[in-house]
Amino acid sequence: MPKIVVQVMPKQELLDPQGKAVAGALSRLGKSHFNDVRVGKRFEITTDREISGEIMEEVAHIADELLANGVIEDVISIDVLPEDAEGTEVDELEGAEA
């Protein structure tokens, strides 16, 4: 079944306390070359329908109305994962470290 990924981030002009906390932790771990971190949200939505313009418009509406708080967040991207994609991008990065 197709999977649609929606990414939401805090608005660029707003303070990101979670990102600041992560950046501070990285600095304390001696990783001060990472100086700006922003923390967002990733939603994976699976559908039993074929991906069409209508479905993508519906997901965009859901993202704007339900997944993102329009006052403080922006929907950054809405993408369709290939149906044969098993893992997430994070899984692929972890495999690269091993």
C-alpha atoms as a PDB file:
ATOM      1  CA  MET A   1       0.000   0.000   0.000  1.00  0.00           C
ATOM      2  CA  PRO A   2       1.273   3.494  -0.769  1.00  0.00           C
ATOM      3  CA  LYS A   3       2.708   5.551   2.083  1.00  0.00           C
ATOM      4  CA  ILE A   4       2.637   9.348   2.144  1.00  0.00           C
ATOM      5  CA  VAL A   5       5.130  11.218   4.333  1.00  0.00           C
ATOM      6  CA  VAL A   6       4.294  14.681   5.693  1.00  0.00           C
ATOM      7  CA  GLN A   7       7.046  16.726   7.340  1.00  0.00           C
ATOM      8  CA  VAL A   8       6.215  19.630   9.635  1.00  0.00           C
ATOM      9  CA  MET A   9       8.725  22.080  11.135  1.00  0.00           C
ATOM     10  CA  PRO A  10       8.466  25.079  13.447  1.00  0.00           C
ATOM     11  CA  LYS A  11       8.252  28.361  11.556  1.00  0.00           C
ATOM     12  CA  GLN A  12      11.757  29.623  10.825  1.00  0.00           C
ATOM     13  CA  GLU A  13      11.191  32.914  12.638  1.00  0.00           C
ATOM     14  CA  LEU A  14      10.148  31.232  15.897  1.00  0.00           C
ATOM     15  CA  LEU A  15      12.358  29.928  18.677  1.00  0.00           C
ATOM     16  CA  ASP A  16      12.651  26.128  18.704  1.00  0.00           C
ATOM     17  CA  PRO A  17      13.273  25.138  22.359  1.00  0.00           C
ATOM     18  CA  GLN A  18      13.704  21.442  21.527  1.00  0.00           C
ATOM     19  CA  GLY A  19      16.219  22.279  18.833  1.00  0.00           C
ATOM     20  CA  LYS A  20      18.128  24.563  21.235  1.00  0.00           C
ATOM     21  CA  ALA A  21      18.221  21.770  23.836  1.00  0.00           C
ATOM     22  CA  VAL A  22      19.592  19.288  21.288  1.00  0.00           C
ATOM     23  CA  ALA A  23      22.171  21.818  20.053  1.00  0.00           C
ATOM     24  CA  GLY A  24      23.270  22.406  23.666  1.00  0.00           C
ATOM     25  CA  ALA A  25      23.608  18.663  24.271  1.00  0.00           C
ATOM     26  CA  LEU A  26      25.662  18.255  21.102  1.00  0.00           C
ATOM     27  CA  SER A  27      27.967  21.050  22.234  1.00  0.00           C
ATOM     28  CA  ARG A  28      28.415  19.416  25.645  1.00  0.00           C
ATOM     29  CA  LEU A  29      29.325  16.172  23.853  1.00  0.00           C
ATOM     30  CA  GLY A  30      32.103  17.971  21.994  1.00  0.00           C
ATOM     31  CA  LYS A  31      30.118  18.249  18.756  1.00  0.00           C
ATOM     32  CA  SER A  32      30.133  22.046  18.631  1.00  0.00           C
ATOM     33  CA  HIS A  33      30.502  22.022  14.832  1.00  0.00           C
ATOM     34  CA  PHE A  34      26.736  21.299  14.751  1.00  0.00           C
ATOM     35  CA  ASN A  35      25.511  24.753  15.709  1.00  0.00           C
ATOM     36  CA  ASP A  36      21.854  24.902  14.673  1.00  0.00           C
ATOM     37  CA  VAL A  37      19.264  22.195  15.243  1.00  0.00           C
ATOM     38  CA  ARG A  38      15.547  22.375  14.547  1.00  0.00           C
ATOM     39  CA  VAL A  39      13.198  19.619  15.667  1.00  0.00           C
ATOM     40  CA  GLY A  40      10.117  18.789  13.624  1.00  0.00           C
ATOM     41  CA  LYS A  41       7.549  16.081  13.101  1.00  0.00           C
ATOM     42  CA  ARG A  42       7.210  13.354  10.484  1.00  0.00           C
ATOM     43  CA  PHE A  43       3.872  11.704   9.755  1.00  0.00           C
ATOM     44  CA  GLU A  44       3.567   8.520   7.683  1.00  0.00           C
ATOM     45  CA  ILE A  45       0.096   7.958   6.255  1.00  0.00           C
ATOM     46  CA  THR A  46      -0.732   4.675   4.522  1.00  0.00           C
ATOM     47  CA  THR A  47      -3.662   4.481   2.131  1.00  0.00           C
ATOM     48  CA  ASP A  48      -5.414   1.645   0.355  1.00  0.00           C
ATOM     49  CA  ARG A  49      -6.117   3.920  -2.614  1.00  0.00           C
ATOM     50  CA  GLU A  50      -4.011   4.679  -5.634  1.00  0.00           C
ATOM     51  CA  ILE A  51      -2.096   7.941  -5.313  1.00  0.00           C
ATOM     52  CA  SER A  52      -3.801  10.619  -7.390  1.00  0.00           C
ATOM     53  CA  GLY A  53      -4.004  14.382  -7.467  1.00  0.00           C
ATOM     54  CA  GLU A  54      -7.209  14.151  -5.449  1.00  0.00           C
ATOM     55  CA  ILE A  55      -5.550  12.045  -2.726  1.00  0.00           C
ATOM     56  CA  MET A  56      -2.572  14.414  -2.560  1.00  0.00           C
ATOM     57  CA  GLU A  57      -4.900  17.426  -2.255  1.00  0.00           C
ATOM     58  CA  GLU A  58      -6.741  15.649   0.553  1.00  0.00           C
ATOM     59  CA  VAL A  59      -3.461  14.937   2.371  1.00  0.00           C
ATOM     60  CA  ALA A  60      -2.377  18.566   1.908  1.00  0.00           C
ATOM     61  CA  HIS A  61      -5.654  19.707   3.465  1.00  0.00           C
ATOM     62  CA  ILE A  62      -5.237  17.246   6.362  1.00  0.00           C
ATOM     63  CA  ALA A  63      -1.655  18.423   6.872  1.00  0.00           C
ATOM     64  CA  ASP A  64      -2.679  22.087   7.018  1.00  0.00           C
ATOM     65  CA  GLU A  65      -5.761  21.551   9.177  1.00  0.00           C
ATOM     66  CA  LEU A  66      -4.745  18.717  11.502  1.00  0.00           C
ATOM     67  CA  LEU A  67      -1.052  17.839  11.439  1.00  0.00           C
ATOM     68  CA  ALA A  68       0.477  21.322  11.597  1.00  0.00           C
ATOM     69  CA  ASN A  69      -0.396  24.145  13.940  1.00  0.00           C
ATOM     70  CA  GLY A  70      -0.494  26.950  11.360  1.00  0.00           C
ATOM     71  CA  VAL A  71       0.353  29.582  13.964  1.00  0.00           C
ATOM     72  CA  ILE A  72       3.751  28.105  14.811  1.00  0.00           C
ATOM     73  CA  GLU A  73       4.471  25.409  12.200  1.00  0.00           C
ATOM     74  CA  ASP A  74       4.841  25.012   8.447  1.00  0.00           C
ATOM     75  CA  VAL A  75       4.222  21.921   6.334  1.00  0.00           C
ATOM     76  CA  ILE A  76       7.627  21.479   4.715  1.00  0.00           C
ATOM     77  CA  SER A  77       6.958  18.571   2.377  1.00  0.00           C
ATOM     78  CA  ILE A  78       4.468  15.930   1.334  1.00  0.00           C
ATOM     79  CA  ASP A  79       6.056  12.988  -0.460  1.00  0.00           C
ATOM     80  CA  VAL A  80       5.032   9.514  -1.566  1.00  0.00           C
ATOM     81  CA  LEU A  81       7.384   6.689  -0.574  1.00  0.00           C
ATOM     82  CA  PRO A  82       7.936   3.940  -3.119  1.00  0.00           C
ATOM     83  CA  GLU A  83       5.736   0.950  -2.300  1.00  0.00           C
ATOM     84  CA  ASP A  84       8.761  -1.338  -1.972  1.00  0.00           C
ATOM     85  CA  ALA A  85      10.458   0.952   0.583  1.00  0.00           C
ATOM     86  CA  GLU A  86      10.745  -1.068   3.784  1.00  0.00           C
ATOM     87  CA  GLY A  87      12.708   1.254   6.056  1.00  0.00           C
ATOM     88  CA  THR A  88      12.776   4.936   6.758  1.00  0.00           C
ATOM     89  CA  GLU A  89      15.601   7.341   6.029  1.00  0.00           C
ATOM     90  CA  VAL A  90      16.729   6.964   9.649  1.00  0.00           C
ATOM     91  CA  ASP A  91      17.102   3.185   9.187  1.00  0.00           C
ATOM     92  CA  GLU A  92      19.275   3.787   6.134  1.00  0.00           C
ATOM     93  CA  LEU A  93      21.533   6.202   8.061  1.00  0.00           C
ATOM     94  CA  GLU A  94      21.917   3.755  10.947  1.00  0.00           C
ATOM     95  CA  GLY A  95      22.958   1.051   8.484  1.00  0.00           C
ATOM     96  CA  ALA A  96      25.635   3.362   7.079  1.00  0.00           C
ATOM     97  CA  GLU A  97      27.198   3.745  10.526  1.00  0.00           C
ATOM     98  CA  ALA A  98      27.603  -0.001  11.111  1.00  0.00           C
END
